[in-house]
Every structure is written in C-alpha cells, then in structure tokens.
PDB file of N, CA and C in Angstrom:
ATOM      1  N   UNK A   1     -23.363 -25.313 -31.330  1.00  0.00           N
ATOM      2  CA  UNK A   1     -23.673 -24.593 -30.154  1.00  0.00           C
ATOM      3  C   UNK A   1     -25.205 -24.342 -30.087  1.00  0.00           C
ATOM      4  N   UNK A   2     -25.639 -24.321 -28.884  1.00  0.00           N
ATOM      5  CA  UNK A   2     -27.084 -23.869 -28.750  1.00  0.00           C
ATOM      6  C   UNK A   2     -27.090 -22.549 -28.079  1.00  0.00           C
ATOM      7  N   UNK A   3     -27.862 -21.570 -28.638  1.00  0.00           N
ATOM      8  CA  UNK A   3     -28.038 -20.257 -27.991  1.00  0.00           C
ATOM      9  C   UNK A   3     -29.398 -20.234 -27.168  1.00  0.00           C
ATOM     10  N   UNK A   4     -29.331 -19.551 -26.045  1.00  0.00           N
ATOM     11  CA  UNK A   4     -30.481 -19.290 -25.251  1.00  0.00           C
ATOM     12  C   UNK A   4     -30.465 -17.836 -24.769  1.00  0.00           C
ATOM     13  N   UNK A   5     -31.611 -17.220 -24.820  1.00  0.00           N
ATOM     14  CA  UNK A   5     -31.780 -15.911 -24.303  1.00  0.00           C
ATOM     15  C   UNK A   5     -32.471 -15.972 -22.862  1.00  0.00           C
ATOM     16  N   UNK A   6     -31.946 -15.550 -21.801  1.00  0.00           N
ATOM     17  CA  UNK A   6     -32.467 -15.662 -20.528  1.00  0.00           C
ATOM     18  C   UNK A   6     -32.865 -14.288 -19.978  1.00  0.00           C
ATOM     19  N   UNK A   7     -34.155 -14.066 -19.809  1.00  0.00           N
ATOM     20  CA  UNK A   7     -34.697 -12.747 -19.360  1.00  0.00           C
ATOM     21  C   UNK A   7     -34.652 -12.900 -17.803  1.00  0.00           C
ATOM     22  N   UNK A   8     -34.013 -11.877 -17.189  1.00  0.00           N
ATOM     23  CA  UNK A   8     -33.774 -11.936 -15.734  1.00  0.00           C
ATOM     24  C   UNK A   8     -34.458 -10.744 -14.931  1.00  0.00           C
ATOM     25  N   UNK A   9     -35.389 -10.990 -14.084  1.00  0.00           N
ATOM     26  CA  UNK A   9     -35.785 -10.059 -13.161  1.00  0.00           C
ATOM     27  C   UNK A   9     -34.895  -9.979 -11.919  1.00  0.00           C
ATOM     28  N   UNK A  10     -34.485  -8.823 -11.500  1.00  0.00           N
ATOM     29  CA  UNK A  10     -33.488  -8.729 -10.336  1.00  0.00           C
ATOM     30  C   UNK A  10     -33.896  -7.736  -9.321  1.00  0.00           C
ATOM     31  N   UNK A  11     -33.532  -7.786  -8.109  1.00  0.00           N
ATOM     32  CA  UNK A  11     -33.748  -6.732  -7.192  1.00  0.00           C
ATOM     33  C   UNK A  11     -32.996  -5.503  -7.666  1.00  0.00           C
ATOM     34  N   UNK A  12     -33.748  -4.349  -7.778  1.00  0.00           N
ATOM     35  CA  UNK A  12     -33.316  -3.170  -8.376  1.00  0.00           C
ATOM     36  C   UNK A  12     -31.970  -2.672  -7.804  1.00  0.00           C
ATOM     37  N   UNK A  13     -31.821  -2.740  -6.511  1.00  0.00           N
ATOM     38  CA  UNK A  13     -30.626  -2.272  -5.987  1.00  0.00           C
ATOM     39  C   UNK A  13     -29.399  -3.083  -6.088  1.00  0.00           C
ATOM     40  N   UNK A  14     -29.589  -4.337  -6.650  1.00  0.00           N
ATOM     41  CA  UNK A  14     -28.549  -5.341  -6.835  1.00  0.00           C
ATOM     42  C   UNK A  14     -28.157  -5.560  -8.285  1.00  0.00           C
ATOM     43  N   UNK A  15     -28.793  -4.766  -9.216  1.00  0.00           N
ATOM     44  CA  UNK A  15     -28.498  -5.125 -10.662  1.00  0.00           C
ATOM     45  C   UNK A  15     -27.166  -5.214 -10.997  1.00  0.00           C
ATOM     46  N   UNK A  16     -26.311  -4.235 -10.763  1.00  0.00           N
ATOM     47  CA  UNK A  16     -24.889  -4.310 -11.170  1.00  0.00           C
ATOM     48  C   UNK A  16     -24.137  -5.549 -10.671  1.00  0.00           C
ATOM     49  N   UNK A  17     -24.360  -5.860  -9.343  1.00  0.00           N
ATOM     50  CA  UNK A  17     -23.662  -7.021  -8.775  1.00  0.00           C
ATOM     51  C   UNK A  17     -24.262  -8.385  -9.372  1.00  0.00           C
ATOM     52  N   UNK A  18     -25.533  -8.354  -9.629  1.00  0.00           N
ATOM     53  CA  UNK A  18     -26.145  -9.533 -10.192  1.00  0.00           C
ATOM     54  C   UNK A  18     -25.794  -9.691 -11.624  1.00  0.00           C
ATOM     55  N   UNK A  19     -25.672  -8.740 -12.332  1.00  0.00           N
ATOM     56  CA  UNK A  19     -25.203  -8.809 -13.781  1.00  0.00           C
ATOM     57  C   UNK A  19     -23.799  -9.331 -13.809  1.00  0.00           C
ATOM     58  N   UNK A  20     -22.870  -8.859 -12.922  1.00  0.00           N
ATOM     59  CA  UNK A  20     -21.541  -9.393 -12.923  1.00  0.00           C
ATOM     60  C   UNK A  20     -21.466 -10.830 -12.568  1.00  0.00           C
ATOM     61  N   UNK A  21     -22.265 -11.150 -11.578  1.00  0.00           N
ATOM     62  CA  UNK A  21     -22.299 -12.617 -11.170  1.00  0.00           C
ATOM     63  C   UNK A  21     -22.805 -13.572 -12.309  1.00  0.00           C
ATOM     64  N   UNK A  22     -23.820 -13.064 -12.974  1.00  0.00           N
ATOM     65  CA  UNK A  22     -24.333 -13.859 -14.105  1.00  0.00           C
ATOM     66  C   UNK A  22     -23.258 -13.985 -15.233  1.00  0.00           C
ATOM     67  N   UNK A  23     -22.613 -12.818 -15.481  1.00  0.00           N
ATOM     68  CA  UNK A  23     -21.624 -12.809 -16.582  1.00  0.00           C
ATOM     69  C   UNK A  23     -20.397 -13.737 -16.222  1.00  0.00           C
ATOM     70  N   UNK A  24     -20.110 -13.959 -14.966  1.00  0.00           N
ATOM     71  CA  UNK A  24     -19.017 -14.801 -14.520  1.00  0.00           C
ATOM     72  C   UNK A  24     -19.274 -16.350 -14.604  1.00  0.00           C
ATOM     73  N   UNK A  25     -20.625 -16.729 -14.883  1.00  0.00           N
ATOM     74  CA  UNK A  25     -20.935 -18.076 -15.021  1.00  0.00           C
ATOM     75  C   UNK A  25     -20.385 -18.778 -16.349  1.00  0.00           C
ATOM     76  N   UNK A  26     -19.901 -19.926 -16.172  1.00  0.00           N
ATOM     77  CA  UNK A  26     -19.502 -20.724 -17.401  1.00  0.00           C
ATOM     78  C   UNK A  26     -20.726 -20.926 -18.254  1.00  0.00           C
ATOM     79  N   UNK A  27     -20.611 -20.690 -19.575  1.00  0.00           N
ATOM     80  CA  UNK A  27     -21.757 -20.857 -20.459  1.00  0.00           C
ATOM     81  C   UNK A  27     -22.425 -19.581 -20.839  1.00  0.00           C
ATOM     82  N   UNK A  28     -22.303 -18.522 -19.933  1.00  0.00           N
ATOM     83  CA  UNK A  28     -22.787 -17.226 -20.184  1.00  0.00           C
ATOM     84  C   UNK A  28     -21.878 -16.440 -21.158  1.00  0.00           C
ATOM     85  N   UNK A  29     -22.432 -16.035 -22.285  1.00  0.00           N
ATOM     86  CA  UNK A  29     -21.609 -15.361 -23.239  1.00  0.00           C
ATOM     87  C   UNK A  29     -21.611 -13.817 -23.031  1.00  0.00           C
ATOM     88  N   UNK A  30     -22.867 -13.295 -22.774  1.00  0.00           N
ATOM     89  CA  UNK A  30     -22.982 -11.814 -22.767  1.00  0.00           C
ATOM     90  C   UNK A  30     -24.160 -11.490 -21.778  1.00  0.00           C
ATOM     91  N   UNK A  31     -24.032 -10.420 -20.958  1.00  0.00           N
ATOM     92  CA  UNK A  31     -25.206  -9.963 -20.154  1.00  0.00           C
ATOM     93  C   UNK A  31     -25.404  -8.572 -20.474  1.00  0.00           C
ATOM     94  N   UNK A  32     -26.763  -8.201 -20.651  1.00  0.00           N
ATOM     95  CA  UNK A  32     -27.138  -6.857 -20.947  1.00  0.00           C
ATOM     96  C   UNK A  32     -28.014  -6.411 -19.868  1.00  0.00           C
ATOM     97  N   UNK A  33     -27.868  -5.056 -19.356  1.00  0.00           N
ATOM     98  CA  UNK A  33     -28.679  -4.431 -18.486  1.00  0.00           C
ATOM     99  C   UNK A  33     -29.808  -3.716 -19.305  1.00  0.00           C
ATOM    100  N   UNK A  34     -31.063  -3.745 -18.930  1.00  0.00           N
ATOM    101  CA  UNK A  34     -32.158  -3.272 -19.846  1.00  0.00           C
ATOM    102  C   UNK A  34     -33.036  -2.408 -19.067  1.00  0.00           C
ATOM    103  N   UNK A  35     -33.601  -1.474 -19.746  1.00  0.00           N
ATOM    104  CA  UNK A  35     -34.704  -0.610 -19.194  1.00  0.00           C
ATOM    105  C   UNK A  35     -36.055  -1.246 -19.940  1.00  0.00           C
ATOM    106  N   UNK A  36     -37.068  -1.426 -19.128  1.00  0.00           N
ATOM    107  CA  UNK A  36     -38.314  -2.067 -19.607  1.00  0.00           C
ATOM    108  C   UNK A  36     -38.776  -3.129 -18.766  1.00  0.00           C
ATOM    109  N   UNK A  37     -39.291  -4.175 -19.337  1.00  0.00           N
ATOM    110  CA  UNK A  37     -40.033  -5.210 -18.675  1.00  0.00           C
ATOM    111  C   UNK A  37     -39.138  -6.115 -17.874  1.00  0.00           C
ATOM    112  N   UNK A  38     -37.844  -6.282 -18.319  1.00  0.00           N
ATOM    113  CA  UNK A  38     -36.871  -7.161 -17.514  1.00  0.00           C
ATOM    114  C   UNK A  38     -35.770  -6.331 -17.178  1.00  0.00           C
ATOM    115  N   UNK A  39     -34.893  -6.739 -16.244  1.00  0.00           N
ATOM    116  CA  UNK A  39     -33.713  -6.006 -15.766  1.00  0.00           C
ATOM    117  C   UNK A  39     -32.494  -6.409 -16.495  1.00  0.00           C
ATOM    118  N   UNK A  40     -32.262  -7.647 -16.738  1.00  0.00           N
ATOM    119  CA  UNK A  40     -31.091  -8.145 -17.389  1.00  0.00           C
ATOM    120  C   UNK A  40     -31.436  -9.204 -18.606  1.00  0.00           C
ATOM    121  N   UNK A  41     -30.686  -9.200 -19.567  1.00  0.00           N
ATOM    122  CA  UNK A  41     -30.827 -10.264 -20.528  1.00  0.00           C
ATOM    123  C   UNK A  41     -29.510 -10.916 -20.698  1.00  0.00           C
ATOM    124  N   UNK A  42     -29.405 -12.291 -20.554  1.00  0.00           N
ATOM    125  CA  UNK A  42     -28.264 -13.092 -20.710  1.00  0.00           C
ATOM    126  C   UNK A  42     -28.244 -13.914 -21.937  1.00  0.00           C
ATOM    127  N   UNK A  43     -27.158 -13.940 -22.639  1.00  0.00           N
ATOM    128  CA  UNK A  43     -26.977 -14.804 -23.848  1.00  0.00           C
ATOM    129  C   UNK A  43     -26.196 -16.064 -23.392  1.00  0.00           C
ATOM    130  N   UNK A  44     -26.799 -17.195 -23.338  1.00  0.00           N
ATOM    131  CA  UNK A  44     -26.117 -18.499 -22.922  1.00  0.00           C
ATOM    132  C   UNK A  44     -25.805 -19.236 -24.260  1.00  0.00           C
ATOM    133  N   UNK A  45     -24.517 -19.643 -24.337  1.00  0.00           N
ATOM    134  CA  UNK A  45     -24.060 -20.546 -25.472  1.00  0.00           C
ATOM    135  C   UNK A  45     -23.473 -21.809 -24.807  1.00  0.00           C
ATOM    136  N   UNK A  46     -24.220 -22.924 -25.203  1.00  0.00           N
ATOM    137  CA  UNK A  46     -23.745 -24.226 -24.629  1.00  0.00           C
ATOM    138  C   UNK A  46     -23.761 -25.239 -25.716  1.00  0.00           C
ATOM    139  N   UNK A  47     -23.275 -26.427 -25.545  1.00  0.00           N
ATOM    140  CA  UNK A  47     -23.290 -27.486 -26.460  1.00  0.00           C
ATOM    141  C   UNK A  47     -24.507 -28.343 -26.532  1.00  0.00           C
ATOM    142  N   UNK A  48     -25.274 -28.456 -25.441  1.00  0.00           N
ATOM    143  CA  UNK A  48     -26.506 -29.201 -25.463  1.00  0.00           C
ATOM    144  C   UNK A  48     -27.537 -28.651 -24.521  1.00  0.00           C
ATOM    145  N   UNK A  49     -28.794 -29.219 -24.651  1.00  0.00           N
ATOM    146  CA  UNK A  49     -29.827 -28.674 -23.816  1.00  0.00           C
ATOM    147  C   UNK A  49     -29.616 -28.805 -22.397  1.00  0.00           C
ATOM    148  N   UNK A  50     -29.165 -30.000 -21.904  1.00  0.00           N
ATOM    149  CA  UNK A  50     -28.881 -30.190 -20.579  1.00  0.00           C
ATOM    150  C   UNK A  50     -28.126 -29.118 -19.886  1.00  0.00           C
ATOM    151  N   UNK A  51     -27.089 -28.598 -20.666  1.00  0.00           N
ATOM    152  CA  UNK A  51     -26.192 -27.558 -20.166  1.00  0.00           C
ATOM    153  C   UNK A  51     -27.091 -26.247 -19.958  1.00  0.00           C
ATOM    154  N   UNK A  52     -28.062 -26.015 -20.788  1.00  0.00           N
ATOM    155  CA  UNK A  52     -28.933 -24.808 -20.497  1.00  0.00           C
ATOM    156  C   UNK A  52     -29.550 -24.873 -19.154  1.00  0.00           C
ATOM    157  N   UNK A  53     -30.098 -26.009 -18.902  1.00  0.00           N
ATOM    158  CA  UNK A  53     -30.823 -26.192 -17.648  1.00  0.00           C
ATOM    159  C   UNK A  53     -29.732 -25.997 -16.398  1.00  0.00           C
ATOM    160  N   UNK A  54     -28.572 -26.514 -16.662  1.00  0.00           N
ATOM    161  CA  UNK A  54     -27.584 -26.384 -15.598  1.00  0.00           C
ATOM    162  C   UNK A  54     -27.212 -24.891 -15.321  1.00  0.00           C
ATOM    163  N   UNK A  55     -26.986 -24.219 -16.382  1.00  0.00           N
ATOM    164  CA  UNK A  55     -26.532 -22.700 -16.317  1.00  0.00           C
ATOM    165  C   UNK A  55     -27.714 -21.978 -15.792  1.00  0.00           C
ATOM    166  N   UNK A  56     -28.900 -22.208 -16.098  1.00  0.00           N
ATOM    167  CA  UNK A  56     -30.084 -21.400 -15.686  1.00  0.00           C
ATOM    168  C   UNK A  56     -30.579 -21.766 -14.269  1.00  0.00           C
ATOM    169  N   UNK A  57     -30.793 -23.104 -14.018  1.00  0.00           N
ATOM    170  CA  UNK A  57     -31.409 -23.450 -12.768  1.00  0.00           C
ATOM    171  C   UNK A  57     -30.373 -23.562 -11.559  1.00  0.00           C
ATOM    172  N   UNK A  58     -29.114 -24.109 -11.960  1.00  0.00           N
ATOM    173  CA  UNK A  58     -28.132 -24.166 -10.923  1.00  0.00           C
ATOM    174  C   UNK A  58     -27.076 -23.046 -10.791  1.00  0.00           C
ATOM    175  N   UNK A  59     -27.285 -22.158 -11.777  1.00  0.00           N
ATOM    176  CA  UNK A  59     -26.403 -21.044 -11.887  1.00  0.00           C
ATOM    177  C   UNK A  59     -27.110 -19.788 -11.697  1.00  0.00           C
ATOM    178  N   UNK A  60     -27.732 -19.251 -12.715  1.00  0.00           N
ATOM    179  CA  UNK A  60     -28.410 -17.930 -12.719  1.00  0.00           C
ATOM    180  C   UNK A  60     -29.522 -17.849 -11.616  1.00  0.00           C
ATOM    181  N   UNK A  61     -30.344 -18.833 -11.499  1.00  0.00           N
ATOM    182  CA  UNK A  61     -31.516 -18.802 -10.447  1.00  0.00           C
ATOM    183  C   UNK A  61     -30.901 -18.803  -9.043  1.00  0.00           C
ATOM    184  N   UNK A  62     -29.729 -19.195  -8.835  1.00  0.00           N
ATOM    185  CA  UNK A  62     -29.126 -19.307  -7.444  1.00  0.00           C
ATOM    186  C   UNK A  62     -28.411 -17.970  -7.099  1.00  0.00           C
ATOM    187  N   UNK A  63     -28.249 -17.045  -7.976  1.00  0.00           N
ATOM    188  CA  UNK A  63     -27.517 -15.921  -7.711  1.00  0.00           C
ATOM    189  C   UNK A  63     -28.380 -14.947  -6.876  1.00  0.00           C
ATOM    190  N   UNK A  64     -27.706 -14.414  -5.832  1.00  0.00           N
ATOM    191  CA  UNK A  64     -28.390 -13.421  -4.915  1.00  0.00           C
ATOM    192  C   UNK A  64     -28.870 -12.278  -5.794  1.00  0.00           C
ATOM    193  N   UNK A  65     -30.129 -11.840  -5.640  1.00  0.00           N
ATOM    194  CA  UNK A  65     -30.668 -10.730  -6.410  1.00  0.00           C
ATOM    195  C   UNK A  65     -31.485 -11.126  -7.475  1.00  0.00           C
ATOM    196  N   UNK A  66     -31.417 -12.360  -7.999  1.00  0.00           N
ATOM    197  CA  UNK A  66     -32.275 -12.854  -9.097  1.00  0.00           C
ATOM    198  C   UNK A  66     -33.620 -13.173  -8.485  1.00  0.00           C
ATOM    199  N   UNK A  67     -34.694 -12.597  -9.044  1.00  0.00           N
ATOM    200  CA  UNK A  67     -36.046 -13.033  -8.543  1.00  0.00           C
ATOM    201  C   UNK A  67     -36.737 -13.845  -9.484  1.00  0.00           C
ATOM    202  N   UNK A  68     -36.536 -13.829 -10.731  1.00  0.00           N
ATOM    203  CA  UNK A  68     -37.298 -14.604 -11.659  1.00  0.00           C
ATOM    204  C   UNK A  68     -36.470 -14.711 -13.085  1.00  0.00           C
ATOM    205  N   UNK A  69     -36.578 -15.847 -13.718  1.00  0.00           N
ATOM    206  CA  UNK A  69     -35.942 -15.951 -15.160  1.00  0.00           C
ATOM    207  C   UNK A  69     -36.880 -16.583 -16.026  1.00  0.00           C
ATOM    208  N   UNK A  70     -36.834 -16.318 -17.301  1.00  0.00           N
ATOM    209  CA  UNK A  70     -37.531 -16.895 -18.381  1.00  0.00           C
ATOM    210  C   UNK A  70     -36.528 -17.184 -19.444  1.00  0.00           C
ATOM    211  N   UNK A  71     -36.488 -18.483 -19.963  1.00  0.00           N
ATOM    212  CA  UNK A  71     -35.486 -18.874 -20.951  1.00  0.00           C
ATOM    213  C   UNK A  71     -36.064 -19.137 -22.229  1.00  0.00           C
ATOM    214  N   UNK A  72     -35.545 -18.631 -23.342  1.00  0.00           N
ATOM    215  CA  UNK A  72     -35.967 -18.861 -24.717  1.00  0.00           C
ATOM    216  C   UNK A  72     -34.788 -19.525 -25.442  1.00  0.00           C
ATOM    217  N   UNK A  73     -35.075 -20.533 -26.150  1.00  0.00           N
ATOM    218  CA  UNK A  73     -33.997 -21.102 -27.059  1.00  0.00           C
ATOM    219  C   UNK A  73     -34.003 -20.235 -28.235  1.00  0.00           C
ATOM    220  N   UNK A  74     -32.880 -19.925 -28.806  1.00  0.00           N
ATOM    221  CA  UNK A  74     -32.828 -18.955 -29.946  1.00  0.00           C
ATOM    222  C   UNK A  74     -32.447 -19.831 -31.226  1.00  0.00           C
ATOM    223  N   UNK A  75     -33.318 -19.642 -32.228  1.00  0.00           N
ATOM    224  CA  UNK A  75     -32.995 -20.210 -33.429  1.00  0.00           C
ATOM    225  C   UNK A  75     -32.737 -19.193 -34.496  1.00  0.00           C
ATOM    226  N   UNK A  76     -31.629 -19.337 -35.349  1.00  0.00           N
ATOM    227  CA  UNK A  76     -31.249 -18.386 -36.277  1.00  0.00           C
ATOM    228  C   UNK A  76     -32.306 -18.252 -37.342  1.00  0.00           C
ATOM    229  N   UNK A  77     -32.723 -16.944 -37.649  1.00  0.00           N
ATOM    230  CA  UNK A  77     -33.627 -16.695 -38.753  1.00  0.00           C
ATOM    231  C   UNK A  77     -33.047 -16.211 -40.022  1.00  0.00           C
ATOM    232  N   UNK A  78     -33.584 -16.437 -41.157  1.00  0.00           N
ATOM    233  CA  UNK A  78     -32.949 -16.115 -42.358  1.00  0.00           C
ATOM    234  C   UNK A  78     -33.954 -15.338 -43.248  1.00  0.00           C
ATOM    235  N   UNK A  79     -33.478 -14.493 -44.058  1.00  0.00           N
ATOM    236  CA  UNK A  79     -34.272 -13.681 -44.994  1.00  0.00           C
ATOM    237  C   UNK A  79     -34.807 -14.683 -46.027  1.00  0.00           C
ATOM    238  N   UNK A  80     -36.007 -14.398 -46.541  1.00  0.00           N
ATOM    239  CA  UNK A  80     -36.643 -15.179 -47.565  1.00  0.00           C
ATOM    240  C   UNK A  80     -35.761 -15.189 -48.870  1.00  0.00           C
ATOM    241  N   UNK A  81     -35.008 -14.058 -49.048  1.00  0.00           N
ATOM    242  CA  UNK A  81     -34.067 -13.857 -50.152  1.00  0.00           C
ATOM    243  C   UNK A  81     -32.801 -14.594 -50.013  1.00  0.00           C
ATOM    244  N   UNK A  82     -32.488 -15.327 -48.914  1.00  0.00           N
ATOM    245  CA  UNK A  82     -31.281 -15.969 -48.668  1.00  0.00           C
ATOM    246  C   UNK A  82     -31.523 -17.555 -49.106  1.00  0.00           C
ATOM    247  N   UNK A  83     -31.193 -17.790 -50.289  1.00  0.00           N
ATOM    248  CA  UNK A  83     -31.513 -19.026 -50.945  1.00  0.00           C
ATOM    249  C   UNK A  83     -30.472 -20.075 -50.382  1.00  0.00           C
ATOM    250  N   UNK A  84     -29.347 -19.775 -49.790  1.00  0.00           N
ATOM    251  CA  UNK A  84     -28.372 -20.523 -49.381  1.00  0.00           C
ATOM    252  C   UNK A  84     -28.527 -21.067 -47.923  1.00  0.00           C
ATOM    253  N   UNK A  85     -29.440 -20.510 -47.285  1.00  0.00           N
ATOM    254  CA  UNK A  85     -29.573 -20.758 -45.876  1.00  0.00           C
ATOM    255  C   UNK A  85     -30.336 -22.038 -45.612  1.00  0.00           C
ATOM    256  N   UNK A  86     -29.989 -22.751 -44.569  1.00  0.00           N
ATOM    257  CA  UNK A  86     -30.742 -23.994 -44.160  1.00  0.00           C
ATOM    258  C   UNK A  86     -31.151 -23.763 -42.794  1.00  0.00           C
ATOM    259  N   UNK A  87     -32.013 -24.532 -42.190  1.00  0.00           N
ATOM    260  CA  UNK A  87     -32.537 -24.523 -40.850  1.00  0.00           C
ATOM    261  C   UNK A  87     -31.962 -25.750 -40.004  1.00  0.00           C
ATOM    262  N   UNK A  88     -31.324 -25.355 -38.828  1.00  0.00           N
ATOM    263  CA  UNK A  88     -30.883 -26.394 -37.987  1.00  0.00           C
ATOM    264  C   UNK A  88     -30.952 -25.839 -36.489  1.00  0.00           C
ATOM    265  N   UNK A  89     -30.872 -26.636 -35.588  1.00  0.00           N
ATOM    266  CA  UNK A  89     -30.888 -26.362 -34.212  1.00  0.00           C
ATOM    267  C   UNK A  89     -29.406 -26.075 -33.918  1.00  0.00           C
ATOM    268  N   UNK A  90     -28.995 -24.978 -33.346  1.00  0.00           N
ATOM    269  CA  UNK A  90     -27.649 -24.566 -32.981  1.00  0.00           C
ATOM    270  C   UNK A  90     -26.839 -24.266 -34.251  1.00  0.00           C
ATOM    271  N   UNK A  91     -25.533 -24.127 -34.115  1.00  0.00           N
ATOM    272  CA  UNK A  91     -24.728 -23.870 -35.313  1.00  0.00           C
ATOM    273  C   UNK A  91     -24.269 -25.001 -35.991  1.00  0.00           C
TER     274      UNK A  91
END
C-alpha cells in the first residue's frame, strides 16, 4: 500500500460537509479537521501511484468546497536504533 497525505484548503462555511464528502471517497482512509494553515488533512491509502492521482484529481479536487490541495507521498521513518528496519515504498 502507498500512503499519501493530502492537505486540503476548503471554504470555511463548508468544512464539515467537505470533510464528509472526502471521507466517503474510495481510497481515503481518514480525514482530520485542522486549525492552522490547512482546513483538512486526508490520509489516502492505495495500491499504486496512479490511484493517488485518481483519488486526488478526480475525487477530492472535484468536491464542492475544496479550493486547493497539496499531496505528499508518505514514507515510513525508522529510529536509528531500529536495526531490523528496512526502507521501501509502501508496506
């Protein structure tokens, strides 16, 4: 699985409905409402990179109330003390 973090700017008066619509999309694992520089943070979990583009461009960006998104691919980090850990894309 590939994880992506999507930072979402939304119209202030539509944040609850926008969050629910994002959460209902296939591939979206979790949506958080935030105070600060962005309004919502969505965690997207999909099998390949093309699916991330589908979820974000054809899904999240088309939802009424979404004004801007920024997508970050998430890589798991490990402690330097974790001698068993390996690095890979996805799980």
